[in-house]
């Protein structure tokens, strides 16, 4: 201070610098606190997201396992049904003669079936006679009869 009771320029300057410095420190601390609070909120959000992600993975895993288990059960049931059907068919086929299984519904269909079977029997006979002739098992005279 000067002797005449007025404050000197250097003192005013130092006081202003101190006030501005305090104000800047206060603002900087305020900004740091705000940034820290935001960072803390982001960290909590990250933790929540990680927990949620883990829960979702667990749920997906459980659902996949449930689907697999359901499909296994379904396949076991289908396998059982097929085994029963196969066993039933095997039992039926042992008891049935093929001629008894194929029964035409009308006399005309029976006649067509018999003629078809006869034609195939004749074709088979001619084929095997030709093979026997070719291999020399029978001679031409027997073949022509």
C-alpha atoms as a PDB file:
ATOM      1  CA  UNK A   1       0.000   0.000   0.000  1.00  0.00           C
ATOM      2  CA  UNK A   2       1.150   3.468  -0.724  1.00  0.00           C
ATOM      3  CA  UNK A   3       1.553   6.019   1.924  1.00  0.00           C
ATOM      4  CA  UNK A   4      -1.230   8.180   0.809  1.00  0.00           C
ATOM      5  CA  UNK A   5      -3.907   5.466   1.587  1.00  0.00           C
ATOM      6  CA  UNK A   6      -4.496   4.260  -1.942  1.00  0.00           C
ATOM      7  CA  UNK A   7      -3.875   0.781  -3.112  1.00  0.00           C
ATOM      8  CA  UNK A   8      -1.016   0.421  -5.523  1.00  0.00           C
ATOM      9  CA  UNK A   9      -1.291  -0.865  -9.038  1.00  0.00           C
ATOM     10  CA  UNK A  10       0.767  -3.959  -8.233  1.00  0.00           C
ATOM     11  CA  UNK A  11      -1.512  -4.853  -5.351  1.00  0.00           C
ATOM     12  CA  UNK A  12      -4.616  -4.474  -7.517  1.00  0.00           C
ATOM     13  CA  UNK A  13      -2.999  -6.565 -10.189  1.00  0.00           C
ATOM     14  CA  UNK A  14      -2.019  -9.298  -7.695  1.00  0.00           C
ATOM     15  CA  UNK A  15      -5.523  -9.226  -6.234  1.00  0.00           C
ATOM     16  CA  UNK A  16      -7.112  -9.576  -9.709  1.00  0.00           C
ATOM     17  CA  UNK A  17      -4.742 -12.397 -10.644  1.00  0.00           C
ATOM     18  CA  UNK A  18      -5.568 -14.143  -7.379  1.00  0.00           C
ATOM     19  CA  UNK A  19      -9.329 -13.685  -7.923  1.00  0.00           C
ATOM     20  CA  UNK A  20      -9.161 -14.904 -11.538  1.00  0.00           C
ATOM     21  CA  UNK A  21      -6.955 -17.815 -10.487  1.00  0.00           C
ATOM     22  CA  UNK A  22      -9.422 -18.785  -7.729  1.00  0.00           C
ATOM     23  CA  UNK A  23     -12.336 -18.468 -10.145  1.00  0.00           C
ATOM     24  CA  UNK A  24     -10.513 -20.641 -12.730  1.00  0.00           C
ATOM     25  CA  UNK A  25      -9.634 -23.240 -10.084  1.00  0.00           C
ATOM     26  CA  UNK A  26     -13.239 -23.313  -8.942  1.00  0.00           C
ATOM     27  CA  UNK A  27     -14.503 -23.695 -12.547  1.00  0.00           C
ATOM     28  CA  UNK A  28     -11.875 -26.331 -13.276  1.00  0.00           C
ATOM     29  CA  UNK A  29     -12.822 -28.274 -10.153  1.00  0.00           C
ATOM     30  CA  UNK A  30     -16.484 -27.970 -11.098  1.00  0.00           C
ATOM     31  CA  UNK A  31     -15.728 -29.229 -14.632  1.00  0.00           C
ATOM     32  CA  UNK A  32     -13.585 -32.086 -13.265  1.00  0.00           C
ATOM     33  CA  UNK A  33     -16.365 -33.101 -10.859  1.00  0.00           C
ATOM     34  CA  UNK A  34     -18.896 -33.052 -13.703  1.00  0.00           C
ATOM     35  CA  UNK A  35     -16.584 -35.111 -15.939  1.00  0.00           C
ATOM     36  CA  UNK A  36     -15.928 -37.569 -13.091  1.00  0.00           C
ATOM     37  CA  UNK A  37     -19.669 -37.921 -12.447  1.00  0.00           C
ATOM     38  CA  UNK A  38     -20.231 -38.559 -16.161  1.00  0.00           C
ATOM     39  CA  UNK A  39     -17.383 -41.095 -16.185  1.00  0.00           C
ATOM     40  CA  UNK A  40     -18.867 -42.850 -13.143  1.00  0.00           C
ATOM     41  CA  UNK A  41     -22.275 -42.969 -14.836  1.00  0.00           C
ATOM     42  CA  UNK A  42     -20.693 -44.411 -17.986  1.00  0.00           C
ATOM     43  CA  UNK A  43     -18.860 -47.040 -15.920  1.00  0.00           C
ATOM     44  CA  UNK A  44     -22.123 -48.036 -14.214  1.00  0.00           C
ATOM     45  CA  UNK A  45     -23.796 -48.199 -17.613  1.00  0.00           C
ATOM     46  CA  UNK A  46     -20.948 -50.373 -18.908  1.00  0.00           C
ATOM     47  CA  UNK A  47     -21.314 -52.722 -15.928  1.00  0.00           C
ATOM     48  CA  UNK A  48     -25.073 -52.902 -16.460  1.00  0.00           C
ATOM     49  CA  UNK A  49     -24.545 -53.637 -20.150  1.00  0.00           C
ATOM     50  CA  UNK A  50     -22.019 -56.369 -19.358  1.00  0.00           C
ATOM     51  CA  UNK A  51     -24.421 -57.944 -16.860  1.00  0.00           C
ATOM     52  CA  UNK A  52     -27.247 -57.678 -19.392  1.00  0.00           C
ATOM     53  CA  UNK A  53     -25.043 -59.188 -22.089  1.00  0.00           C
ATOM     54  CA  UNK A  54     -24.191 -62.118 -19.826  1.00  0.00           C
ATOM     55  CA  UNK A  55     -27.868 -62.608 -18.974  1.00  0.00           C
ATOM     56  CA  UNK A  56     -28.748 -62.578 -22.680  1.00  0.00           C
ATOM     57  CA  UNK A  57     -26.018 -65.106 -23.457  1.00  0.00           C
ATOM     58  CA  UNK A  58     -27.293 -67.340 -20.657  1.00  0.00           C
ATOM     59  CA  UNK A  59     -30.862 -67.024 -21.934  1.00  0.00           C
ATOM     60  CA  UNK A  60     -29.833 -67.813 -25.519  1.00  0.00           C
ATOM     61  CA  UNK A  61     -27.818 -70.775 -24.290  1.00  0.00           C
ATOM     62  CA  UNK A  62     -30.760 -72.045 -22.242  1.00  0.00           C
ATOM     63  CA  UNK A  63     -33.155 -71.560 -25.159  1.00  0.00           C
ATOM     64  CA  UNK A  64     -30.778 -73.391 -27.500  1.00  0.00           C
ATOM     65  CA  UNK A  65     -30.512 -76.234 -25.009  1.00  0.00           C
ATOM     66  CA  UNK A  66     -34.301 -76.354 -24.643  1.00  0.00           C
ATOM     67  CA  UNK A  67     -34.697 -76.503 -28.428  1.00  0.00           C
ATOM     68  CA  UNK A  68     -32.095 -79.266 -28.640  1.00  0.00           C
ATOM     69  CA  UNK A  69     -33.774 -81.188 -25.815  1.00  0.00           C
ATOM     70  CA  UNK A  70     -37.192 -80.779 -27.446  1.00  0.00           C
ATOM     71  CA  UNK A  71     -35.821 -81.963 -30.788  1.00  0.00           C
ATOM     72  CA  UNK A  72     -34.155 -84.953 -29.131  1.00  0.00           C
ATOM     73  CA  UNK A  73     -37.443 -85.905 -27.470  1.00  0.00           C
ATOM     74  CA  UNK A  74     -39.313 -85.473 -30.751  1.00  0.00           C
ATOM     75  CA  UNK A  75     -36.760 -87.609 -32.592  1.00  0.00           C
ATOM     76  CA  UNK A  76     -36.966 -90.292 -29.902  1.00  0.00           C
ATOM     77  CA  UNK A  77     -40.762 -90.368 -30.245  1.00  0.00           C
ATOM     78  CA  UNK A  78     -40.521 -90.540 -34.041  1.00  0.00           C
ATOM     79  CA  UNK A  79     -37.911 -93.305 -33.767  1.00  0.00           C
ATOM     80  CA  UNK A  80     -40.233 -95.235 -31.461  1.00  0.00           C
ATOM     81  CA  UNK A  81     -43.157 -94.753 -33.844  1.00  0.00           C
ATOM     82  CA  UNK A  82     -41.072 -95.885 -36.799  1.00  0.00           C
ATOM     83  CA  UNK A  83     -39.780 -98.908 -34.895  1.00  0.00           C
ATOM     84  CA  UNK A  84     -43.327 -99.876 -33.948  1.00  0.00           C
ATOM     85  CA  UNK A  85     -44.546 -99.382 -37.519  1.00  0.00           C
ATOM     86  CA  UNK A  86     -41.620-101.404 -38.888  1.00  0.00           C
ATOM     87  CA  UNK A  87     -42.245-104.199 -36.404  1.00  0.00           C
ATOM     88  CA  UNK A  88     -45.941-104.188 -37.263  1.00  0.00           C
ATOM     89  CA  UNK A  89     -45.175-104.316 -40.988  1.00  0.00           C
ATOM     90  CA  UNK A  90     -42.675-107.152 -40.490  1.00  0.00           C
ATOM     91  CA  UNK A  91     -45.256-109.136 -38.535  1.00  0.00           C
ATOM     92  CA  UNK A  92     -47.854-108.527 -41.228  1.00  0.00           C
ATOM     93  CA  UNK A  93     -45.499-109.427 -44.068  1.00  0.00           C
ATOM     94  CA  UNK A  94     -44.586-112.728 -42.388  1.00  0.00           C
ATOM     95  CA  UNK A  95     -48.244-113.674 -42.175  1.00  0.00           C
ATOM     96  CA  UNK A  96     -49.357-112.490 -45.608  1.00  0.00           C
ATOM     97  CA  UNK A  97     -48.799-114.054 -48.981  1.00  0.00           C
ATOM     98  CA  UNK A  98     -48.145-111.491 -51.716  1.00  0.00           C
ATOM     99  CA  UNK A  99     -51.043-112.886 -53.754  1.00  0.00           C
ATOM    100  CA  UNK A 100     -53.359-112.269 -50.804  1.00  0.00           C
ATOM    101  CA  UNK A 101     -52.162-108.682 -50.392  1.00  0.00           C
ATOM    102  CA  UNK A 102     -52.917-107.601 -53.975  1.00  0.00           C
ATOM    103  CA  UNK A 103     -56.632-108.014 -54.496  1.00  0.00           C
ATOM    104  CA  UNK A 104     -58.154-106.227 -57.506  1.00  0.00           C
ATOM    105  CA  UNK A 105     -61.376-104.370 -56.761  1.00  0.00           C
ATOM    106  CA  UNK A 106     -63.205-105.419 -59.936  1.00  0.00           C
ATOM    107  CA  UNK A 107     -63.183-108.531 -62.147  1.00  0.00           C
ATOM    108  CA  UNK A 108     -61.787-106.528 -65.062  1.00  0.00           C
ATOM    109  CA  UNK A 109     -58.842-105.360 -62.939  1.00  0.00           C
ATOM    110  CA  UNK A 110     -58.226-108.973 -61.873  1.00  0.00           C
ATOM    111  CA  UNK A 111     -58.151-110.024 -65.533  1.00  0.00           C
ATOM    112  CA  UNK A 112     -55.721-107.194 -66.395  1.00  0.00           C
ATOM    113  CA  UNK A 113     -53.464-108.158 -63.476  1.00  0.00           C
ATOM    114  CA  UNK A 114     -53.424-111.828 -64.487  1.00  0.00           C
ATOM    115  CA  UNK A 115     -52.647-110.989 -68.127  1.00  0.00           C
ATOM    116  CA  UNK A 116     -49.873-108.616 -67.084  1.00  0.00           C
ATOM    117  CA  UNK A 117     -48.323-111.269 -64.823  1.00  0.00           C
ATOM    118  CA  UNK A 118     -48.604-113.864 -67.610  1.00  0.00           C
ATOM    119  CA  UNK A 119     -46.963-111.524 -70.141  1.00  0.00           C
ATOM    120  CA  UNK A 120     -44.058-110.838 -67.782  1.00  0.00           C
ATOM    121  CA  UNK A 121     -43.657-114.563 -67.091  1.00  0.00           C
ATOM    122  CA  UNK A 122     -43.451-115.253 -70.853  1.00  0.00           C
ATOM    123  CA  UNK A 123     -40.896-112.444 -71.332  1.00  0.00           C
ATOM    124  CA  UNK A 124     -38.773-113.815 -68.477  1.00  0.00           C
ATOM    125  CA  UNK A 125     -38.951-117.348 -69.917  1.00  0.00           C
ATOM    126  CA  UNK A 126     -37.853-116.179 -73.378  1.00  0.00           C
ATOM    127  CA  UNK A 127     -35.001-114.152 -71.855  1.00  0.00           C
ATOM    128  CA  UNK A 128     -33.652-117.041 -69.780  1.00  0.00           C
ATOM    129  CA  UNK A 129     -34.020-119.513 -72.666  1.00  0.00           C
ATOM    130  CA  UNK A 130     -32.028-117.082 -74.846  1.00  0.00           C
ATOM    131  CA  UNK A 131     -29.346-116.847 -72.158  1.00  0.00           C
ATOM    132  CA  UNK A 132     -29.198-120.652 -71.884  1.00  0.00           C
ATOM    133  CA  UNK A 133     -28.827-120.944 -75.678  1.00  0.00           C
ATOM    134  CA  UNK A 134     -26.115-118.303 -75.744  1.00  0.00           C
ATOM    135  CA  UNK A 135     -24.130-120.065 -73.018  1.00  0.00           C
ATOM    136  CA  UNK A 136     -24.572-123.433 -74.684  1.00  0.00           C
ATOM    137  CA  UNK A 137     -26.631-124.952 -71.880  1.00  0.00           C
ATOM    138  CA  UNK A 138     -29.387-125.890 -74.349  1.00  0.00           C
ATOM    139  CA  UNK A 139     -29.225-126.442 -78.090  1.00  0.00           C
ATOM    140  CA  UNK A 140     -31.240-124.670 -80.778  1.00  0.00           C
ATOM    141  CA  UNK A 141     -33.769-127.498 -81.115  1.00  0.00           C
ATOM    142  CA  UNK A 142     -34.746-127.294 -77.428  1.00  0.00           C
ATOM    143  CA  UNK A 143     -34.852-123.491 -77.638  1.00  0.00           C
ATOM    144  CA  UNK A 144     -37.248-123.562 -80.625  1.00  0.00           C
ATOM    145  CA  UNK A 145     -39.672-125.979 -78.942  1.00  0.00           C
END
